[in-house]
Protein backbone atom coordinates (compact mmCIF):
# COMPACT_ATOMS: atom_id res chain seq x y z
CA MET A 1 0.00 0.00 0.00
CA ALA A 2 1.45 3.41 -0.95
CA GLU A 3 2.43 5.80 1.91
CA ASN A 4 0.11 8.75 2.28
CA PRO A 5 2.11 11.96 1.60
CA ARG A 6 0.02 13.91 4.06
CA GLU A 7 0.63 11.47 6.86
CA SER A 8 4.35 11.58 6.13
CA ARG A 9 4.38 15.36 6.38
CA ASP A 10 2.44 15.25 9.64
CA ALA A 11 4.86 12.71 11.12
CA ALA A 12 7.83 14.82 10.05
CA GLN A 13 6.26 17.94 11.58
CA ILE A 14 5.54 16.08 14.83
CA ALA A 15 9.10 14.80 14.98
CA SER A 16 10.41 18.31 14.33
CA LEU A 17 8.16 19.76 17.00
CA GLU A 18 9.25 17.09 19.47
CA GLU A 19 12.90 17.82 18.71
CA GLU A 20 12.34 21.56 19.06
CA LEU A 21 10.42 21.00 22.30
CA ALA A 22 13.21 18.80 23.67
CA SER A 23 15.76 21.49 22.77
CA LYS A 24 13.72 24.18 24.52
CA VAL A 25 13.25 21.96 27.56
CA GLU A 26 17.00 21.44 27.67
CA GLN A 27 17.58 25.19 27.34
CA LEU A 28 15.06 25.86 30.09
CA SER A 29 16.79 23.28 32.28
CA VAL A 30 20.13 25.00 31.74
CA VAL A 31 18.62 28.41 32.48
CA ASN A 32 16.90 26.95 35.54
CA ARG A 33 20.18 25.57 36.84
CA GLN A 34 21.86 28.91 36.21
CA LEU A 35 19.09 30.75 38.01
CA LYS A 36 19.32 28.35 40.95
CA ARG A 37 23.10 28.92 41.05
CA LYS A 38 22.62 32.70 40.93
CA ILE A 39 20.01 32.57 43.66
CA PHE A 40 22.30 30.45 45.81
CA ASP A 41 25.25 32.76 45.12
CA LEU A 42 23.21 35.85 45.93
CA TYR A 43 21.92 34.26 49.12
CA THR A 44 25.49 33.34 50.08
CA VAL A 45 26.70 36.88 49.34
CA PHE A 46 23.80 38.29 51.37
CA GLU A 47 24.56 36.07 54.37
CA ILE A 48 28.29 36.78 54.19
CA SER A 49 27.72 40.51 53.81
CA ARG A 50 25.43 40.52 56.81
CA ASN A 51 28.00 38.68 58.90
CA ILE A 52 31.20 40.41 57.79
CA ASN A 53 29.79 43.83 58.56
CA ALA A 54 29.63 42.75 62.20
CA VAL A 55 33.18 41.33 62.25
CA LEU A 56 35.88 43.79 63.30
CA ASP A 57 38.72 41.29 63.71
CA SER A 58 40.74 41.16 60.49
CA GLU A 59 42.06 37.63 61.07
CA THR A 60 38.57 36.20 61.53
CA LEU A 61 37.31 38.17 58.55
CA LEU A 62 40.02 36.90 56.19
CA GLU A 63 39.64 33.32 57.38
CA SER A 64 35.89 33.42 56.73
CA PHE A 65 36.30 35.04 53.31
CA VAL A 66 38.88 32.56 52.00
CA PHE A 67 37.02 29.54 53.40
CA THR A 68 33.73 30.66 51.83
CA CYS A 69 35.26 31.36 48.41
CA LEU A 70 37.07 28.02 48.26
CA GLY A 71 33.90 26.17 49.15
CA GLN A 72 31.63 28.12 46.82
CA VAL A 73 33.72 27.79 43.65
CA ALA A 74 35.32 24.43 44.65
CA ALA A 75 38.89 25.76 44.34
CA GLY A 76 41.87 23.93 45.81
CA LYS A 77 43.62 26.85 47.52
CA GLY A 78 43.60 30.60 47.97
CA ALA A 79 45.76 33.41 49.34
CA ILE A 80 45.28 37.12 50.10
CA TRP A 81 47.87 39.90 49.95
CA LEU A 82 47.17 43.39 51.32
CA ARG A 83 49.18 46.59 50.97
CA ASP A 84 51.79 46.94 53.71
CA GLU A 85 50.80 50.56 54.28
CA PRO A 86 48.24 52.87 52.70
CA SER A 87 50.91 54.59 50.58
CA ALA A 88 53.12 51.56 49.89
CA ASP A 89 53.43 49.72 46.58
CA HIS A 90 54.30 46.43 48.29
CA PHE A 91 51.77 43.74 49.12
CA ALA A 92 52.19 41.35 52.08
CA LEU A 93 50.64 37.91 52.49
CA VAL A 94 48.01 38.01 55.25
CA HIS A 95 46.22 34.67 54.84
CA ALA A 96 46.61 31.46 52.83
CA LYS A 97 44.61 28.25 52.91
CA GLY A 98 44.29 25.05 50.91
CA SER A 99 46.24 22.09 49.61
CA GLY A 100 49.50 21.97 47.69
CA THR A 101 52.26 24.56 47.63
CA LEU A 102 51.43 27.86 49.32
CA PRO A 103 53.50 31.06 49.50
CA PRO A 104 55.71 31.46 52.61
CA PRO A 105 53.97 33.22 55.55
CA THR A 106 56.18 36.33 55.34
CA HIS A 107 55.94 36.68 51.55
CA ARG A 108 55.66 40.18 50.10
CA PHE A 109 56.15 41.63 46.64
CA ALA A 110 55.88 44.84 44.60
CA ILE A 111 53.25 44.73 41.87
CA ALA A 112 54.01 46.15 38.44
CA PRO A 113 52.27 49.53 37.89
CA ALA A 114 50.82 48.34 34.56
CA LEU A 115 49.16 45.32 36.20
CA ALA A 116 47.92 47.41 39.12
CA ASP A 117 46.32 49.96 36.76
CA HIS A 118 44.83 47.17 34.64
CA LEU A 119 43.23 45.43 37.64
CA THR A 120 41.95 48.72 39.05
CA ARG A 121 40.23 49.63 35.77
CA LEU A 122 38.68 46.18 35.35
CA ASN A 123 37.64 45.74 38.99
CA ARG A 124 36.74 42.09 38.34
CA PRO A 125 38.47 38.69 38.48
CA VAL A 126 40.83 37.83 35.63
CA PRO A 127 42.23 34.41 34.64
CA LEU A 128 45.91 33.78 35.26
CA ASP A 129 46.54 33.48 31.53
CA GLY A 130 49.41 34.64 29.37
CA THR A 131 48.22 38.25 29.21
CA THR A 132 48.12 38.61 32.98
CA GLN A 133 51.47 36.83 33.32
CA GLN A 134 53.14 39.21 30.88
CA MET A 135 51.98 42.28 32.79
CA ALA A 136 53.37 40.96 36.09
CA GLY A 137 56.97 41.20 37.25
CA THR A 138 59.24 38.22 37.79
CA ALA A 139 58.45 37.92 41.52
CA VAL A 140 54.70 37.99 40.87
CA GLN A 141 54.99 35.47 38.03
CA GLU A 142 56.60 33.01 40.44
CA ILE A 143 53.58 33.37 42.72
CA PHE A 144 51.17 32.96 39.80
CA ARG A 145 52.82 29.66 38.93
CA MET A 146 51.78 28.34 42.36
CA PHE A 147 48.13 28.79 41.26
CA PRO A 148 47.92 27.09 37.85
CA GLY A 149 44.61 27.47 36.08
CA GLY A 150 43.50 29.96 38.73
CA VAL A 151 42.10 33.46 38.83
CA LEU A 152 43.29 36.77 40.24
CA VAL A 153 40.65 38.76 42.14
CA PRO A 154 41.49 42.45 42.78
CA LEU A 155 40.25 44.02 46.01
CA ILE A 156 39.30 47.62 45.24
CA TYR A 157 38.41 50.24 47.85
CA LYS A 158 37.57 53.79 46.76
CA SER A 159 39.01 53.24 43.27
CA ARG A 160 42.31 52.02 44.70
CA LEU A 161 43.83 48.55 44.58
CA THR A 162 44.16 47.56 48.25
CA GLY A 163 44.64 43.81 47.94
CA LEU A 164 44.95 40.74 45.73
CA PHE A 165 43.16 37.41 46.12
CA LEU A 166 44.56 34.42 44.22
CA LEU A 167 42.67 31.15 43.77
CA GLY A 168 44.14 27.92 42.44
CA ASP A 169 42.53 25.60 39.92
CA LYS A 170 39.24 23.87 40.75
CA LEU A 171 39.36 20.53 42.54
CA ALA A 172 37.45 18.73 39.75
CA GLY A 173 39.79 20.09 37.08
CA ASP A 174 37.03 22.26 35.55
CA HIS A 175 37.47 25.83 34.40
CA PHE A 176 36.12 28.75 36.37
CA THR A 177 32.67 29.60 35.01
CA ALA A 178 31.14 33.01 34.41
CA ASP A 179 28.99 32.42 37.51
CA ASP A 180 32.12 31.72 39.56
CA LEU A 181 33.75 34.94 38.43
CA GLU A 182 30.57 36.96 39.03
CA PHE A 183 30.27 35.55 42.55
CA LEU A 184 33.92 36.36 43.31
CA ALA A 185 33.54 39.89 41.92
CA VAL A 186 30.50 40.69 44.09
CA LEU A 187 32.02 39.20 47.22
CA ALA A 188 35.38 40.91 46.60
CA ASN A 189 33.71 44.32 46.60
CA GLN A 190 32.04 43.51 49.91
CA ILE A 191 35.17 42.13 51.56
CA ALA A 192 37.34 45.05 50.44
CA VAL A 193 35.12 47.44 52.39
CA ALA A 194 34.92 45.09 55.39
CA ILE A 195 38.70 44.69 55.53
CA GLU A 196 39.23 48.45 55.49
CA ASN A 197 36.67 48.84 58.30
CA ALA A 198 38.34 46.10 60.36
CA LEU A 199 41.83 47.56 59.86
CA LEU A 200 40.55 51.02 60.74
CA PHE A 201 38.92 49.67 63.91
CA GLU A 202 42.13 47.86 64.93
CA SER A 203 44.14 51.02 64.27
CA GLU A 204 41.75 53.08 66.40
CA THR A 205 41.90 50.45 69.15
CA ARG A 206 45.71 50.59 69.17
CA ALA A 207 45.60 54.38 69.26
CA VAL A 208 43.19 54.37 72.22
CA ARG A 209 45.35 51.84 74.06
CA LEU A 210 48.47 53.91 73.41
CA LEU A 211 46.64 57.04 74.60
CA ARG A 212 45.62 55.31 77.82
CA GLU A 213 49.16 54.09 78.43
CA THR A 214 50.48 57.60 77.80
CA GLN A 215 47.93 59.06 80.18
CA GLN A 216 48.94 56.56 82.86
CA GLN A 217 52.58 57.48 82.37
CA LEU A 218 51.73 61.17 82.64
CA VAL A 219 49.79 60.57 85.85
CA GLN A 220 52.71 58.58 87.25
CA THR A 221 55.15 61.30 86.22
CA GLU A 222 52.99 63.98 87.84
CA LYS A 223 52.82 61.95 91.04
CA LEU A 224 56.58 61.59 91.12
CA ALA A 225 57.04 65.29 90.39
CA ALA A 226 54.70 66.22 93.24
CA LEU A 227 56.49 63.80 95.56
CA GLY A 228 59.84 65.24 94.49
CA ASP A 229 58.80 68.74 95.46
CA MET A 230 57.35 67.57 98.77
CA SER A 231 60.28 65.30 99.59
CA ALA A 232 62.80 68.06 98.92
CA ARG A 233 61.08 70.31 101.45
CA VAL A 234 60.70 67.54 104.06
CA ALA A 235 64.27 66.37 103.60
CA HIS A 236 65.61 69.90 103.95
CA GLU A 237 63.71 70.40 107.21
CA ILE A 238 64.79 67.15 108.91
CA ASN A 239 68.21 66.43 107.48
CA ASN A 240 70.08 69.11 109.42
CA PRO A 241 68.56 68.20 112.82
CA LEU A 242 69.42 64.56 112.15
CA GLY A 243 73.07 65.45 111.66
CA ILE A 244 73.17 67.43 114.89
CA ILE A 245 71.46 64.59 116.82
CA LYS A 246 73.94 62.05 115.53
CA ASN A 247 76.91 64.20 116.52
CA TYR A 248 75.60 64.54 120.07
CA LEU A 249 75.02 60.76 120.23
CA LEU A 250 78.70 60.26 119.44
CA LEU A 251 79.58 62.57 122.29
CA ILE A 252 77.24 60.64 124.64
CA ARG A 253 78.83 57.34 123.60
CA ARG A 254 82.34 58.63 124.32
CA ALA A 255 81.25 59.96 127.69
CA ALA A 256 79.56 56.70 128.63
CA ASP A 257 82.43 54.28 128.07
CA ASP A 258 82.03 52.99 131.60
CA ASP A 259 78.34 52.27 131.22
CA ALA A 260 77.73 49.57 128.59
CA ALA A 261 73.95 49.97 128.68
CA ILE A 262 74.07 53.66 127.80
CA GLY A 263 76.44 52.85 124.93
CA ASP A 264 74.05 50.19 123.59
CA TYR A 265 71.14 52.59 123.77
CA ALA A 266 73.11 55.28 121.94
CA SER A 267 74.15 52.74 119.30
CA THR A 268 70.54 51.69 118.71
CA VAL A 269 69.42 55.31 118.38
CA GLY A 270 72.27 55.89 115.91
CA GLN A 271 71.17 52.93 113.77
CA GLU A 272 67.63 54.23 113.61
CA ILE A 273 68.87 57.69 112.65
CA ASP A 274 70.92 56.09 109.87
CA ARG A 275 67.75 54.37 108.69
CA ILE A 276 65.87 57.69 108.65
CA ALA A 277 68.76 59.30 106.78
CA GLY A 278 68.58 56.55 104.16
CA ILE A 279 64.89 57.28 103.61
CA VAL A 280 65.72 60.97 103.29
CA ARG A 281 68.34 60.20 100.64
CA GLN A 282 65.74 58.19 98.67
CA LEU A 283 63.31 61.08 98.91
CA LEU A 284 65.94 63.49 97.66
CA ALA A 285 66.61 61.21 94.70
CA PHE A 286 63.16 62.10 93.31
CA HIS A 287 63.75 65.82 93.35
CA ARG A 288 67.50 66.05 92.96
CA PRO A 289 68.78 62.90 91.20
CA GLN A 290 72.50 62.35 91.22
CA ALA A 291 74.23 63.62 88.12
CA THR A 292 75.53 60.60 86.27
CA GLN A 293 77.40 60.27 83.01
CA MET A 294 75.63 58.09 80.46
CA LEU A 295 78.28 55.86 78.91
CA PRO A 296 78.12 52.74 76.70
CA PHE A 297 78.53 49.47 78.57
CA ASP A 298 77.70 45.78 78.25
CA LEU A 299 74.66 44.85 80.33
CA ILE A 300 75.71 41.22 80.83
CA PRO A 301 78.62 41.82 83.28
CA VAL A 302 76.46 44.31 85.20
CA LEU A 303 73.69 41.74 85.52
CA ASP A 304 76.17 38.99 86.40
CA SER A 305 77.68 41.06 89.21
CA ILE A 306 74.30 41.42 90.96
CA VAL A 307 73.36 37.80 90.34
CA ASP A 308 76.67 36.63 91.82
CA LEU A 309 76.13 38.90 94.82
CA MET A 310 72.70 37.43 95.54
CA ALA A 311 73.47 33.80 94.68
CA ARG A 312 74.43 32.80 98.24
CA PRO A 313 71.50 34.53 100.04
CA LEU A 314 69.07 33.00 97.56
CA ALA A 315 70.55 29.53 97.99
CA ALA A 316 70.31 29.91 101.78
CA GLN A 317 66.55 30.50 101.35
CA ARG A 318 66.24 27.44 99.04
CA ILE A 319 65.67 29.55 95.94
CA GLU A 320 67.11 28.07 92.76
CA LEU A 321 68.66 30.74 90.55
CA LYS A 322 68.69 30.23 86.78
CA ARG A 323 70.43 32.44 84.22
CA ASP A 324 68.90 32.38 80.78
CA TYR A 325 70.86 35.01 78.90
CA THR A 326 73.89 35.54 76.69
CA GLY A 327 75.61 38.66 75.45
CA PRO A 328 76.51 41.11 74.42
CA ALA A 329 73.85 43.75 75.06
CA ILE A 330 75.40 47.19 74.66
CA LEU A 331 73.51 50.03 76.34
CA LYS A 332 74.21 53.66 77.07
CA GLY A 333 73.52 54.66 80.64
CA ALA A 334 74.61 54.50 84.26
CA SER A 335 75.52 50.92 85.13
CA GLU A 336 75.57 51.57 88.90
CA GLN A 337 71.98 52.81 88.83
CA LEU A 338 70.87 49.75 86.91
CA LYS A 339 72.61 47.55 89.47
CA GLN A 340 70.40 49.19 92.09
CA VAL A 341 67.32 48.33 90.01
CA PHE A 342 68.33 44.68 89.48
CA LEU A 343 69.21 44.26 93.15
CA ASN A 344 65.84 45.66 94.23
CA ILE A 345 63.93 43.34 91.87
CA ILE A 346 65.85 40.26 93.03
CA ILE A 347 65.29 41.15 96.70
CA ASN A 348 61.57 41.55 96.02
CA ALA A 349 61.53 38.12 94.35
CA ARG A 350 63.34 36.61 97.35
CA ASP A 351 60.83 38.16 99.76
CA ALA A 352 57.96 36.76 97.65
CA MET A 353 59.28 33.19 98.11
CA PRO A 354 59.93 32.74 101.87
CA GLN A 355 59.52 28.96 101.53
CA GLY A 356 61.87 28.69 98.58
CA GLY A 357 61.25 28.47 94.85
CA GLU A 358 62.88 29.43 91.58
CA LEU A 359 64.08 32.72 90.09
CA ARG A 360 64.87 32.70 86.39
CA ILE A 361 66.51 35.74 84.80
CA GLY A 362 66.16 35.96 81.03
CA LEU A 363 67.34 38.39 78.38
CA GLU A 364 65.79 38.84 74.95
CA HIS A 365 66.64 41.16 72.07
CA ARG A 366 63.53 42.81 70.62
CA GLY A 367 64.57 44.99 67.71
CA ASP A 368 66.08 48.16 69.12
CA VAL A 369 65.48 47.22 72.77
CA VAL A 370 66.61 44.47 75.11
CA ARG A 371 64.21 42.95 77.63
CA VAL A 372 65.46 41.66 80.99
CA ALA A 373 62.81 39.46 82.64
CA PHE A 374 62.83 38.29 86.27
CA HIS A 375 60.48 35.27 86.59
CA ASP A 376 59.78 34.00 90.11
CA THR A 377 57.52 31.24 91.43
CA GLY A 378 55.98 33.39 94.14
CA PRO A 379 52.26 34.08 94.56
CA GLY A 380 52.25 37.05 92.17
CA ILE A 381 50.37 40.28 92.78
CA PRO A 382 46.57 40.78 92.69
CA ALA A 383 45.51 42.40 89.42
CA ASP A 384 43.91 45.40 91.13
CA ILE A 385 47.16 46.19 92.95
CA ILE A 386 49.56 45.96 89.97
CA PRO A 387 48.86 49.54 88.72
CA LYS A 388 49.84 50.89 92.19
CA ILE A 389 53.15 49.10 92.81
CA PHE A 390 55.29 51.90 91.32
CA GLU A 391 53.57 54.60 93.35
CA PRO A 392 55.71 56.12 96.12
CA PHE A 393 55.13 54.68 99.63
CA PHE A 394 52.91 51.88 98.33
CA THR A 395 54.05 48.46 99.57
CA THR A 396 52.59 45.02 100.14
CA LYS A 397 55.25 44.18 102.74
CA ASP A 398 54.99 44.57 106.50
CA ARG A 399 55.57 48.10 107.77
CA ASP A 400 58.95 47.24 109.26
CA LYS A 401 60.17 45.52 106.07
CA GLY A 402 59.66 48.17 103.40
CA THR A 403 59.10 51.88 102.85
CA GLY A 404 57.37 51.60 99.46
CA LEU A 405 60.06 53.66 97.75
CA GLY A 406 62.17 50.92 96.15
CA LEU A 407 60.06 50.30 93.05
CA SER A 408 59.38 54.03 92.65
CA VAL A 409 63.13 54.65 92.54
CA CYS A 410 63.52 51.78 90.05
CA TYR A 411 60.77 53.28 87.91
CA GLY A 412 62.54 56.64 87.82
CA ILE A 413 65.91 55.10 86.96
CA ILE A 414 64.50 53.04 84.10
CA LYS A 415 62.60 56.03 82.73
CA SER A 416 65.76 58.15 82.86
CA HIS A 417 67.38 55.51 80.62
CA GLY A 418 64.53 55.78 78.10
CA GLY A 419 63.20 52.37 79.08
CA ALA A 420 60.10 50.82 80.62
CA ILE A 421 59.42 48.56 83.60
CA ALA A 422 56.25 46.53 84.18
CA PHE A 423 54.98 43.61 86.26
CA ARG A 424 52.80 40.76 85.06
CA ASN A 425 51.44 37.61 86.61
CA THR A 426 52.33 34.32 84.93
CA GLU A 427 51.05 30.76 85.24
CA THR A 428 53.90 29.95 87.64
CA GLY A 429 54.28 33.19 89.59
CA GLY A 430 55.21 36.78 88.81
CA CYS A 431 57.56 38.53 86.41
CA PHE A 432 59.16 41.97 86.18
CA ASP A 433 59.95 43.00 82.58
CA ILE A 434 62.53 45.75 82.03
CA ASP A 435 62.97 47.11 78.49
CA LEU A 436 66.09 49.17 77.77
CA PRO A 437 67.13 50.76 74.46
CA LEU A 438 70.22 49.38 72.75
CA THR A 439 72.92 51.63 71.35
CA PRO A 440 72.98 52.11 67.53
CA SER A 441 76.04 49.87 67.22
CA GLU A 442 74.24 47.08 69.07
CA GLU A 443 71.12 47.48 66.93
CA SER A 444 73.09 47.01 63.73
CA SER A 445 75.07 44.04 64.95
C-alpha cells in the first residue's frame, strides 16, 4: 500500500516539534540551573555581607572570606595579599589556605604599575593566563605559577587597589565559570570594604590603648614630680637636725664608756637615725637625682655582678637561681643605677618566696630594645594592685620591712634611661619585665 504523503508530512512535523520541544526543555533546564546557582550565590553573598559587617577582627574576617570562596567555587587553595601601608606599593601575604604549595607566611612583593592599573580599571576577576602573566613582574609570576589554572581577584576600595586574592585551579579540574567569576567579583567588593573597616577599627583600638598608656605614664610622672617637690622640702627640714642629733650621740657614747647599757642605747638610736637618713636620701633622689654620666657598657657583666652577689643569700633560702641570657647587650647609661634596680627586683623576688622556689633571669633582644625578665615562682600580685606598685610609699610588705620607695626609685631610673618597667602575673608566679634601648652599634650588629 502506498504511503500517504500527508501522513508523512504530519509525522515529520511532529518529529520536528518534538525535537524543538526537547531542545527548549533542555535550554530551560540550563537556564533553571543557572538561576538556581545565581540565587544560591546571591543568598550566600547576602549572608556573608550581613555577617562580615559585624566582624571587626581582620584575622577572623580573612579566614571566613577565604574559606567561603574556596567552598563556593570548589577551588583547591587561595591566598590574600594586602598593601603593607596605605601609601606603599608592596603587598604582604596576610592569609593562605588550601592544599598543595602555598607562599611562605612572610611573603611580600611589589606589583608592576601596569598590572595594578589594569586590575583597578577592570575591577573584576581575571584568569591567570598569558596576558596577565606578561603584565606581572618576575616575583609575581613566580607566585602565579603556584596557582595554575587559577584566577586573580582584585580588592578595590575607593578606586584604589588595596589587595589581591589568588585562587588555584578547581578541585574537579574544571574551568572557572562566568557564575564563579561573578560571585567572586561581588564578594570581593564587599570584603574590600569590610577589611578596610576592620583595619581602621584595629588602628583606632591601638591608638586608644596607646593614649591610655600615655595618660597613665603622665599621671605617674605627675605623682613623682609632686612627691619630688614635697620630699625636697621635708628632707631639707629634717636632714640638718638629724646630723646634729647624731653628733651629740657620738659625744654621749664617748662619755659613757664605763656604762655599757648607755652605749648600747646610743648605738641603737644611731642605727635608727641612719635608717631615717637613708629614707631621706631616697626622697631626695626624686627631686634632685644624682648627676651621672651616660656611657656605653655591656649589660651582661652588670647583671652577672648582681646575680653573683645574691646567689648565696638566695641559695640559703632554698631559691634556685637560673640564668637564661647571653651577650653582648650594649647600652648607654649608668651601670651603677641599673645595678640598684636589678638588686631591688631580686630582693623583692626573694621576699615573695619565703619557703623557697625558683628565680629565672632571662634576656631577649627585641629589635632596638633588650628585655630583661625576672620570673619567680611566688604568689604574684593581685591584678587590682599591679597599677599601684610603682607609686611612692605603696608596699605590700609589713611596715617594718619596706618603705614603698624601692620600686618608685627603680621606675625613675629606668625612665631616665629611656626604658620601661612593668609587672605581670604568669602561670607559675610573677615577672618583672625591664625594656632598655640598645645603642645604635648594638642594633646594627
